[in-house]
N, C-alpha and C. Protein backbone atom coordinates (compact mmCIF):
# COMPACT_ATOMS: atom_id res chain seq x y z
N GLN A 1 -95.87 76.62 3.54
CA GLN A 1 -94.61 77.25 3.17
C GLN A 1 -93.66 76.26 2.51
N ARG A 2 -93.62 75.06 3.08
CA ARG A 2 -92.74 74.04 2.51
C ARG A 2 -93.18 73.67 1.09
N GLN A 3 -94.50 73.57 0.88
CA GLN A 3 -95.03 73.25 -0.44
C GLN A 3 -94.71 74.37 -1.43
N ASN A 4 -94.85 75.61 -1.00
CA ASN A 4 -94.53 76.74 -1.88
C ASN A 4 -93.05 76.74 -2.25
N LYS A 5 -92.19 76.44 -1.29
CA LYS A 5 -90.75 76.38 -1.54
C LYS A 5 -90.44 75.26 -2.53
N LEU A 6 -91.13 74.12 -2.37
CA LEU A 6 -90.94 73.00 -3.28
C LEU A 6 -91.28 73.42 -4.71
N TYR A 7 -92.43 74.06 -4.91
CA TYR A 7 -92.83 74.49 -6.25
C TYR A 7 -91.91 75.57 -6.80
N GLU A 8 -91.39 76.39 -5.93
CA GLU A 8 -90.43 77.41 -6.37
C GLU A 8 -89.17 76.74 -6.91
N TRP A 9 -88.68 75.72 -6.19
CA TRP A 9 -87.48 75.01 -6.65
C TRP A 9 -87.76 74.23 -7.93
N ILE A 10 -88.96 73.66 -8.06
CA ILE A 10 -89.30 72.94 -9.29
C ILE A 10 -89.13 73.85 -10.49
N GLY A 11 -89.50 75.10 -10.35
CA GLY A 11 -89.37 76.07 -11.43
C GLY A 11 -87.93 76.46 -11.72
N HIS A 12 -87.01 76.14 -10.80
CA HIS A 12 -85.61 76.56 -10.97
C HIS A 12 -84.66 75.42 -11.32
N ILE A 13 -85.16 74.20 -11.45
CA ILE A 13 -84.27 73.06 -11.69
C ILE A 13 -83.43 73.26 -12.95
N ASP A 14 -84.07 73.65 -14.04
CA ASP A 14 -83.32 73.83 -15.30
C ASP A 14 -82.27 74.92 -15.18
N SER A 15 -82.59 76.00 -14.49
CA SER A 15 -81.60 77.08 -14.35
C SER A 15 -80.44 76.66 -13.45
N VAL A 16 -80.69 75.81 -12.47
CA VAL A 16 -79.60 75.31 -11.62
C VAL A 16 -78.61 74.55 -12.49
N PHE A 17 -79.13 73.71 -13.40
CA PHE A 17 -78.26 72.97 -14.32
C PHE A 17 -77.55 73.92 -15.29
N SER A 18 -78.32 74.77 -15.94
CA SER A 18 -77.74 75.60 -17.01
C SER A 18 -76.76 76.64 -16.48
N GLN A 19 -76.94 77.07 -15.24
CA GLN A 19 -76.05 78.07 -14.65
C GLN A 19 -74.93 77.44 -13.81
N ASN A 20 -74.79 76.12 -13.92
CA ASN A 20 -73.72 75.39 -13.20
C ASN A 20 -73.69 75.72 -11.71
N ARG A 21 -74.86 75.63 -11.09
CA ARG A 21 -74.93 75.94 -9.66
C ARG A 21 -74.84 74.70 -8.78
N LEU A 22 -74.59 73.56 -9.39
CA LEU A 22 -74.33 72.35 -8.61
C LEU A 22 -72.83 72.23 -8.40
N PHE A 23 -72.43 71.64 -7.30
CA PHE A 23 -71.03 71.33 -7.08
C PHE A 23 -70.93 70.08 -6.22
N VAL A 24 -69.79 69.44 -6.31
CA VAL A 24 -69.55 68.22 -5.55
C VAL A 24 -68.58 68.55 -4.43
N ARG A 25 -68.86 68.03 -3.27
CA ARG A 25 -67.94 68.17 -2.15
C ARG A 25 -67.84 66.80 -1.49
N CYS A 26 -66.96 66.68 -0.53
CA CYS A 26 -66.86 65.39 0.13
C CYS A 26 -66.61 65.60 1.62
N GLN A 27 -66.92 64.58 2.37
CA GLN A 27 -66.59 64.59 3.79
C GLN A 27 -65.93 63.27 4.13
N MET A 28 -64.93 63.36 4.97
CA MET A 28 -64.20 62.16 5.33
C MET A 28 -65.05 61.29 6.25
N ILE A 29 -65.00 60.01 6.00
CA ILE A 29 -65.64 59.05 6.89
C ILE A 29 -64.55 58.61 7.87
N ALA A 30 -64.72 59.02 9.11
CA ALA A 30 -63.68 58.79 10.12
C ALA A 30 -64.13 57.73 11.11
N PRO A 31 -63.18 56.93 11.59
CA PRO A 31 -63.52 55.92 12.58
C PRO A 31 -63.81 56.55 13.95
N ILE A 32 -64.60 55.88 14.72
CA ILE A 32 -64.91 56.36 16.07
C ILE A 32 -63.66 56.29 16.95
N GLU A 33 -62.89 55.21 16.77
CA GLU A 33 -61.66 55.05 17.55
C GLU A 33 -60.52 55.72 16.78
N GLN A 34 -60.00 56.80 17.33
CA GLN A 34 -59.00 57.61 16.64
C GLN A 34 -57.71 56.85 16.32
N GLU A 35 -57.35 55.86 17.10
CA GLU A 35 -56.11 55.13 16.84
C GLU A 35 -56.21 54.29 15.56
N LYS A 36 -57.40 54.11 15.04
CA LYS A 36 -57.59 53.36 13.79
C LYS A 36 -57.83 54.31 12.62
N ASN A 37 -57.24 55.49 12.68
CA ASN A 37 -57.51 56.55 11.71
C ASN A 37 -56.57 56.49 10.51
N ASP A 38 -56.27 55.31 10.00
CA ASP A 38 -55.38 55.19 8.85
C ASP A 38 -56.15 54.96 7.55
N HIS A 39 -57.43 55.09 7.60
CA HIS A 39 -58.30 54.84 6.45
C HIS A 39 -58.78 56.17 5.88
N LEU A 40 -58.53 56.43 4.61
CA LEU A 40 -58.97 57.67 3.97
C LEU A 40 -60.10 57.39 2.99
N HIS A 41 -61.31 57.41 3.49
CA HIS A 41 -62.48 57.16 2.66
C HIS A 41 -63.39 58.39 2.78
N TYR A 42 -63.97 58.80 1.66
CA TYR A 42 -64.78 60.01 1.64
C TYR A 42 -66.15 59.73 1.05
N GLU A 43 -67.15 60.40 1.60
CA GLU A 43 -68.49 60.34 1.02
C GLU A 43 -68.68 61.57 0.15
N ILE A 44 -69.14 61.34 -1.07
CA ILE A 44 -69.39 62.43 -2.01
C ILE A 44 -70.77 63.01 -1.70
N LEU A 45 -70.82 64.33 -1.62
CA LEU A 45 -72.07 65.02 -1.31
C LEU A 45 -72.36 66.08 -2.38
N LEU A 46 -73.62 66.31 -2.63
CA LEU A 46 -74.05 67.31 -3.60
C LEU A 46 -74.17 68.66 -2.92
N GLY A 47 -73.69 69.67 -3.59
CA GLY A 47 -73.87 71.04 -3.13
C GLY A 47 -74.67 71.82 -4.16
N VAL A 48 -75.45 72.79 -3.69
CA VAL A 48 -76.28 73.61 -4.57
C VAL A 48 -76.13 75.07 -4.14
N ARG A 49 -76.01 75.93 -5.14
CA ARG A 49 -75.95 77.37 -4.87
C ARG A 49 -77.25 78.02 -5.38
N ASP A 50 -77.69 79.06 -4.66
CA ASP A 50 -78.84 79.81 -5.15
C ASP A 50 -78.37 80.84 -6.18
N GLU A 51 -79.27 81.65 -6.65
CA GLU A 51 -78.94 82.62 -7.70
C GLU A 51 -77.92 83.65 -7.25
N ALA A 52 -77.83 83.89 -5.95
CA ALA A 52 -76.86 84.85 -5.41
C ALA A 52 -75.51 84.21 -5.15
N GLY A 53 -75.42 82.89 -5.35
CA GLY A 53 -74.17 82.18 -5.13
C GLY A 53 -74.01 81.61 -3.74
N ASP A 54 -75.03 81.77 -2.91
CA ASP A 54 -74.98 81.24 -1.55
C ASP A 54 -75.32 79.74 -1.57
N ILE A 55 -74.68 79.00 -0.68
CA ILE A 55 -74.92 77.56 -0.60
C ILE A 55 -76.30 77.32 0.04
N VAL A 56 -77.06 76.45 -0.61
CA VAL A 56 -78.40 76.10 -0.16
C VAL A 56 -78.36 74.66 0.34
N PRO A 57 -79.01 74.36 1.45
CA PRO A 57 -79.06 72.96 1.88
C PRO A 57 -79.70 72.10 0.80
N PRO A 58 -79.08 70.96 0.46
CA PRO A 58 -79.63 70.10 -0.60
C PRO A 58 -81.06 69.65 -0.33
N ASP A 59 -81.46 69.59 0.96
CA ASP A 59 -82.82 69.15 1.24
C ASP A 59 -83.87 70.18 0.83
N HIS A 60 -83.44 71.37 0.36
CA HIS A 60 -84.39 72.31 -0.23
C HIS A 60 -84.57 71.99 -1.71
N PHE A 61 -83.53 71.50 -2.35
CA PHE A 61 -83.51 71.27 -3.79
C PHE A 61 -83.90 69.84 -4.16
N ILE A 62 -83.39 68.87 -3.45
CA ILE A 62 -83.59 67.45 -3.78
C ILE A 62 -85.07 67.05 -3.82
N PRO A 63 -85.92 67.45 -2.87
CA PRO A 63 -87.34 67.06 -2.97
C PRO A 63 -88.00 67.54 -4.26
N ALA A 64 -87.61 68.71 -4.76
CA ALA A 64 -88.17 69.21 -6.02
C ALA A 64 -87.71 68.33 -7.18
N VAL A 65 -86.44 67.96 -7.17
CA VAL A 65 -85.90 67.11 -8.23
C VAL A 65 -86.57 65.73 -8.18
N GLU A 66 -86.75 65.21 -6.98
CA GLU A 66 -87.43 63.91 -6.83
C GLU A 66 -88.86 63.98 -7.34
N ARG A 67 -89.56 65.05 -6.98
CA ARG A 67 -90.95 65.21 -7.39
C ARG A 67 -91.07 65.22 -8.91
N CYS A 68 -90.09 65.81 -9.59
CA CYS A 68 -90.10 65.89 -11.06
C CYS A 68 -89.49 64.65 -11.71
N LYS A 69 -89.11 63.67 -10.90
CA LYS A 69 -88.51 62.41 -11.39
C LYS A 69 -87.22 62.67 -12.18
N ARG A 70 -86.39 63.60 -11.68
CA ARG A 70 -85.16 63.96 -12.39
C ARG A 70 -83.90 63.59 -11.60
N MET A 71 -84.03 62.75 -10.59
CA MET A 71 -82.86 62.36 -9.81
C MET A 71 -81.79 61.62 -10.63
N PRO A 72 -82.17 60.80 -11.61
CA PRO A 72 -81.10 60.19 -12.41
C PRO A 72 -80.19 61.22 -13.09
N GLU A 73 -80.74 62.38 -13.45
CA GLU A 73 -79.90 63.44 -14.02
C GLU A 73 -78.89 63.95 -13.00
N ILE A 74 -79.33 64.09 -11.76
CA ILE A 74 -78.44 64.53 -10.69
C ILE A 74 -77.37 63.49 -10.45
N ASP A 75 -77.78 62.22 -10.34
CA ASP A 75 -76.82 61.15 -10.09
C ASP A 75 -75.81 61.05 -11.24
N GLN A 76 -76.26 61.22 -12.47
CA GLN A 76 -75.34 61.20 -13.61
C GLN A 76 -74.37 62.38 -13.53
N TRP A 77 -74.87 63.53 -13.18
CA TRP A 77 -74.03 64.72 -13.06
C TRP A 77 -72.94 64.48 -12.01
N ILE A 78 -73.35 63.91 -10.87
CA ILE A 78 -72.38 63.64 -9.80
C ILE A 78 -71.33 62.65 -10.28
N ILE A 79 -71.77 61.55 -10.88
CA ILE A 79 -70.81 60.53 -11.34
C ILE A 79 -69.87 61.11 -12.38
N ASN A 80 -70.39 61.86 -13.34
CA ASN A 80 -69.52 62.48 -14.35
C ASN A 80 -68.46 63.35 -13.69
N ASN A 81 -68.86 64.16 -12.74
CA ASN A 81 -67.93 65.08 -12.08
C ASN A 81 -66.94 64.35 -11.18
N VAL A 82 -67.38 63.33 -10.49
CA VAL A 82 -66.48 62.56 -9.62
C VAL A 82 -65.45 61.82 -10.49
N PHE A 83 -65.90 61.17 -11.55
CA PHE A 83 -64.97 60.46 -12.42
C PHE A 83 -63.97 61.44 -13.05
N SER A 84 -64.45 62.59 -13.46
CA SER A 84 -63.57 63.60 -14.04
C SER A 84 -62.53 64.06 -13.02
N TRP A 85 -62.95 64.28 -11.78
CA TRP A 85 -62.01 64.71 -10.73
C TRP A 85 -60.97 63.62 -10.50
N ILE A 86 -61.41 62.38 -10.43
CA ILE A 86 -60.48 61.28 -10.20
C ILE A 86 -59.44 61.22 -11.32
N GLU A 87 -59.91 61.32 -12.56
CA GLU A 87 -58.98 61.27 -13.69
C GLU A 87 -57.98 62.42 -13.65
N GLN A 88 -58.41 63.60 -13.23
CA GLN A 88 -57.52 64.77 -13.18
C GLN A 88 -56.63 64.78 -11.94
N ASN A 89 -56.98 64.01 -10.93
CA ASN A 89 -56.25 63.99 -9.66
C ASN A 89 -55.89 62.56 -9.27
N ARG A 90 -55.45 61.82 -10.22
CA ARG A 90 -55.22 60.38 -10.03
C ARG A 90 -54.23 60.09 -8.91
N ASP A 91 -53.16 60.89 -8.81
CA ASP A 91 -52.18 60.65 -7.74
C ASP A 91 -52.82 60.76 -6.36
N GLY A 92 -53.62 61.79 -6.17
CA GLY A 92 -54.31 61.97 -4.89
C GLY A 92 -55.30 60.87 -4.61
N PHE A 93 -56.04 60.47 -5.64
CA PHE A 93 -57.03 59.41 -5.46
C PHE A 93 -56.37 58.08 -5.15
N ASP A 94 -55.22 57.83 -5.77
CA ASP A 94 -54.51 56.57 -5.52
C ASP A 94 -54.07 56.45 -4.06
N ARG A 95 -53.88 57.58 -3.37
CA ARG A 95 -53.49 57.55 -1.94
C ARG A 95 -54.70 57.39 -1.02
N MET A 96 -55.89 57.48 -1.57
CA MET A 96 -57.12 57.33 -0.78
C MET A 96 -57.60 55.89 -0.84
N ASP A 97 -58.47 55.56 0.11
CA ASP A 97 -59.08 54.24 0.10
C ASP A 97 -60.34 54.21 -0.75
N GLY A 98 -60.91 55.38 -1.06
CA GLY A 98 -62.04 55.40 -1.97
C GLY A 98 -63.09 56.44 -1.65
N PHE A 99 -64.12 56.40 -2.50
CA PHE A 99 -65.26 57.31 -2.41
C PHE A 99 -66.55 56.50 -2.28
N SER A 100 -67.49 57.04 -1.52
CA SER A 100 -68.85 56.52 -1.47
C SER A 100 -69.75 57.52 -2.18
N ILE A 101 -70.57 57.02 -3.09
CA ILE A 101 -71.46 57.86 -3.89
C ILE A 101 -72.88 57.39 -3.66
N ASN A 102 -73.74 58.29 -3.22
CA ASN A 102 -75.15 57.96 -3.01
C ASN A 102 -75.87 57.86 -4.33
N LEU A 103 -76.74 56.89 -4.45
CA LEU A 103 -77.61 56.76 -5.61
C LEU A 103 -79.06 56.84 -5.15
N SER A 104 -79.87 57.55 -5.91
CA SER A 104 -81.28 57.71 -5.57
C SER A 104 -82.07 56.46 -5.95
N GLY A 105 -83.24 56.34 -5.39
CA GLY A 105 -84.13 55.24 -5.74
C GLY A 105 -84.55 55.30 -7.19
N GLN A 106 -84.73 56.51 -7.72
CA GLN A 106 -85.12 56.65 -9.12
C GLN A 106 -84.03 56.11 -10.04
N SER A 107 -82.77 56.31 -9.66
CA SER A 107 -81.67 55.80 -10.47
C SER A 107 -81.55 54.29 -10.35
N ILE A 108 -81.65 53.80 -9.13
CA ILE A 108 -81.53 52.35 -8.90
C ILE A 108 -82.61 51.59 -9.66
N ASN A 109 -83.77 52.19 -9.85
CA ASN A 109 -84.89 51.52 -10.51
C ASN A 109 -85.03 51.91 -11.98
N SER A 110 -83.96 52.42 -12.57
CA SER A 110 -84.01 52.87 -13.96
C SER A 110 -83.08 52.03 -14.84
N GLU A 111 -83.66 51.40 -15.86
CA GLU A 111 -82.86 50.64 -16.83
C GLU A 111 -81.89 51.57 -17.55
N ALA A 112 -82.35 52.78 -17.88
CA ALA A 112 -81.50 53.74 -18.60
C ALA A 112 -80.31 54.15 -17.74
N PHE A 113 -80.54 54.35 -16.44
CA PHE A 113 -79.43 54.72 -15.57
C PHE A 113 -78.45 53.55 -15.42
N LEU A 114 -78.96 52.34 -15.32
CA LEU A 114 -78.09 51.17 -15.22
C LEU A 114 -77.21 51.07 -16.46
N ALA A 115 -77.78 51.29 -17.64
CA ALA A 115 -76.99 51.25 -18.88
C ALA A 115 -75.94 52.36 -18.89
N TYR A 116 -76.33 53.56 -18.44
CA TYR A 116 -75.37 54.68 -18.35
C TYR A 116 -74.20 54.32 -17.43
N LEU A 117 -74.52 53.81 -16.24
CA LEU A 117 -73.48 53.51 -15.26
C LEU A 117 -72.56 52.40 -15.78
N LYS A 118 -73.13 51.39 -16.40
CA LYS A 118 -72.30 50.32 -16.99
C LYS A 118 -71.34 50.91 -18.02
N ASP A 119 -71.84 51.78 -18.89
CA ASP A 119 -70.98 52.42 -19.90
C ASP A 119 -69.86 53.22 -19.25
N MET A 120 -70.19 53.96 -18.20
CA MET A 120 -69.18 54.77 -17.50
C MET A 120 -68.10 53.86 -16.90
N LEU A 121 -68.53 52.79 -16.27
CA LEU A 121 -67.58 51.89 -15.62
C LEU A 121 -66.72 51.15 -16.65
N GLU A 122 -67.33 50.74 -17.75
CA GLU A 122 -66.58 50.03 -18.79
C GLU A 122 -65.53 50.92 -19.45
N SER A 123 -65.83 52.21 -19.62
CA SER A 123 -64.92 53.10 -20.33
C SER A 123 -63.94 53.81 -19.40
N SER A 124 -64.09 53.61 -18.11
CA SER A 124 -63.26 54.30 -17.13
C SER A 124 -61.92 53.59 -16.94
N GLY A 125 -60.91 54.38 -16.68
CA GLY A 125 -59.60 53.82 -16.37
C GLY A 125 -59.27 53.95 -14.90
N ILE A 126 -60.26 54.26 -14.08
CA ILE A 126 -60.01 54.47 -12.65
C ILE A 126 -60.16 53.15 -11.89
N PRO A 127 -59.54 53.04 -10.71
CA PRO A 127 -59.69 51.80 -9.92
C PRO A 127 -61.10 51.69 -9.33
N LEU A 128 -61.91 50.90 -9.98
CA LEU A 128 -63.33 50.81 -9.62
C LEU A 128 -63.56 50.14 -8.27
N ASP A 129 -62.58 49.38 -7.78
CA ASP A 129 -62.73 48.74 -6.48
C ASP A 129 -62.69 49.76 -5.34
N LYS A 130 -62.37 51.01 -5.67
CA LYS A 130 -62.36 52.07 -4.66
C LYS A 130 -63.69 52.84 -4.62
N LEU A 131 -64.66 52.40 -5.40
CA LEU A 131 -65.97 53.06 -5.43
C LEU A 131 -66.99 52.23 -4.68
N THR A 132 -67.71 52.89 -3.80
CA THR A 132 -68.82 52.27 -3.08
C THR A 132 -70.06 53.07 -3.40
N PHE A 133 -71.09 52.41 -3.85
CA PHE A 133 -72.36 53.08 -4.11
C PHE A 133 -73.27 52.83 -2.93
N GLU A 134 -73.84 53.90 -2.42
CA GLU A 134 -74.73 53.82 -1.26
C GLU A 134 -76.18 53.93 -1.71
N ILE A 135 -77.00 53.05 -1.19
CA ILE A 135 -78.44 53.16 -1.38
C ILE A 135 -79.10 53.03 -0.02
N THR A 136 -80.24 53.67 0.12
CA THR A 136 -80.91 53.58 1.41
C THR A 136 -81.63 52.24 1.53
N GLU A 137 -81.81 51.84 2.75
CA GLU A 137 -82.52 50.58 3.01
C GLU A 137 -83.92 50.63 2.41
N THR A 138 -84.57 51.76 2.51
CA THR A 138 -85.93 51.90 1.97
C THR A 138 -85.94 51.68 0.46
N VAL A 139 -84.97 52.29 -0.24
CA VAL A 139 -84.88 52.12 -1.70
C VAL A 139 -84.61 50.66 -2.04
N ALA A 140 -83.71 50.04 -1.32
CA ALA A 140 -83.36 48.65 -1.60
C ALA A 140 -84.56 47.72 -1.45
N SER A 141 -85.42 48.02 -0.50
CA SER A 141 -86.54 47.12 -0.24
C SER A 141 -87.76 47.42 -1.10
N GLU A 142 -87.79 48.55 -1.80
CA GLU A 142 -88.95 48.90 -2.62
C GLU A 142 -89.12 47.97 -3.81
N ASN A 143 -88.04 47.67 -4.50
CA ASN A 143 -88.10 46.78 -5.66
C ASN A 143 -86.91 45.85 -5.55
N LEU A 144 -87.04 44.88 -4.69
CA LEU A 144 -85.93 44.02 -4.32
C LEU A 144 -85.33 43.28 -5.51
N ALA A 145 -86.17 42.80 -6.42
CA ALA A 145 -85.65 42.04 -7.56
C ALA A 145 -84.78 42.93 -8.45
N PHE A 146 -85.24 44.13 -8.77
CA PHE A 146 -84.44 45.01 -9.63
C PHE A 146 -83.21 45.50 -8.89
N THR A 147 -83.34 45.81 -7.60
CA THR A 147 -82.19 46.27 -6.82
C THR A 147 -81.11 45.20 -6.80
N LYS A 148 -81.50 43.94 -6.58
CA LYS A 148 -80.52 42.85 -6.58
C LYS A 148 -79.82 42.73 -7.93
N ARG A 149 -80.57 42.86 -9.01
CA ARG A 149 -79.98 42.77 -10.35
C ARG A 149 -79.05 43.95 -10.60
N PHE A 150 -79.46 45.14 -10.19
CA PHE A 150 -78.63 46.34 -10.34
C PHE A 150 -77.30 46.15 -9.60
N ILE A 151 -77.38 45.72 -8.35
CA ILE A 151 -76.17 45.54 -7.54
C ILE A 151 -75.28 44.46 -8.15
N LYS A 152 -75.87 43.35 -8.53
CA LYS A 152 -75.08 42.26 -9.12
C LYS A 152 -74.36 42.73 -10.39
N THR A 153 -75.04 43.49 -11.23
CA THR A 153 -74.45 43.99 -12.47
C THR A 153 -73.27 44.91 -12.18
N ILE A 154 -73.43 45.84 -11.25
CA ILE A 154 -72.38 46.83 -10.98
C ILE A 154 -71.22 46.21 -10.18
N LYS A 155 -71.52 45.25 -9.33
CA LYS A 155 -70.44 44.59 -8.56
C LYS A 155 -69.49 43.83 -9.48
N GLN A 156 -69.93 43.44 -10.66
CA GLN A 156 -69.06 42.74 -11.61
C GLN A 156 -67.87 43.61 -12.03
N PHE A 157 -67.99 44.91 -11.85
CA PHE A 157 -66.90 45.83 -12.19
C PHE A 157 -65.94 46.04 -11.02
N GLY A 158 -66.25 45.43 -9.88
CA GLY A 158 -65.39 45.57 -8.71
C GLY A 158 -65.88 46.60 -7.71
N CYS A 159 -66.95 47.31 -8.04
CA CYS A 159 -67.51 48.31 -7.13
C CYS A 159 -68.18 47.62 -5.94
N LYS A 160 -68.31 48.37 -4.86
CA LYS A 160 -68.97 47.87 -3.66
C LYS A 160 -70.31 48.60 -3.47
N PHE A 161 -71.15 48.05 -2.62
CA PHE A 161 -72.42 48.68 -2.26
C PHE A 161 -72.53 48.71 -0.75
N SER A 162 -73.21 49.72 -0.26
CA SER A 162 -73.52 49.78 1.16
C SER A 162 -74.94 50.29 1.33
N LEU A 163 -75.54 49.88 2.45
CA LEU A 163 -76.88 50.35 2.80
C LEU A 163 -76.73 51.56 3.70
N ASP A 164 -77.37 52.65 3.29
CA ASP A 164 -77.36 53.89 4.06
C ASP A 164 -78.63 53.91 4.91
N ASP A 165 -78.56 54.52 6.07
CA ASP A 165 -79.71 54.66 6.97
C ASP A 165 -80.29 53.32 7.37
N PHE A 166 -79.44 52.29 7.44
CA PHE A 166 -79.93 50.96 7.77
C PHE A 166 -80.48 50.93 9.19
N GLY A 167 -81.67 50.37 9.31
CA GLY A 167 -82.29 50.22 10.63
C GLY A 167 -83.01 51.45 11.13
N SER A 168 -83.06 52.53 10.31
CA SER A 168 -83.68 53.75 10.82
C SER A 168 -84.98 54.10 10.11
N GLY A 169 -85.32 53.37 9.06
CA GLY A 169 -86.51 53.70 8.29
C GLY A 169 -87.68 52.81 8.63
N TYR A 170 -88.81 53.14 8.04
CA TYR A 170 -90.04 52.38 8.25
C TYR A 170 -89.84 50.93 7.81
N SER A 171 -89.07 50.73 6.75
CA SER A 171 -88.89 49.36 6.25
C SER A 171 -88.20 48.46 7.27
N SER A 172 -87.48 49.03 8.21
CA SER A 172 -86.84 48.23 9.23
C SER A 172 -87.87 47.52 10.10
N TYR A 173 -89.00 48.17 10.28
CA TYR A 173 -90.03 47.59 11.12
C TYR A 173 -90.82 46.52 10.39
N SER A 174 -90.88 46.64 9.07
CA SER A 174 -91.64 45.65 8.30
C SER A 174 -90.71 44.59 7.76
């Protein structure tokens, strides 16, 4: 059933893009200790709607996109939309501490995506020190040399990086 669902979504990737069924949402990253709740940082999350307009869990859609090696398109779409929102809501963003944006392994290991992201950061007028890019520990360890170069290149713009799911994957044991 899972395999059939995957192939069904693979057939719908283009229509999801063309029908604008992706959306960006965010969730606040809150401290465990409530008295230290003066930090307004948000993680950007991808949302997907089905053909009826109902919200679909991203874990139904993302594996199909990964299988087709199209995650850099998703990551570019997210970055374009986040940067556009920041530019249109600059006063609100200036009152926040920042956004965390997840990047896929396919994007982290893509020269074309690195060039795209550099161009976006160079042409942006937003405070780049408020952006944190998240990568999973597994992705970081898959191609350590390229990941280090990617991070070093993007950090030159003032952006930060964080490891997501640290200590919970197979790579933690190896």
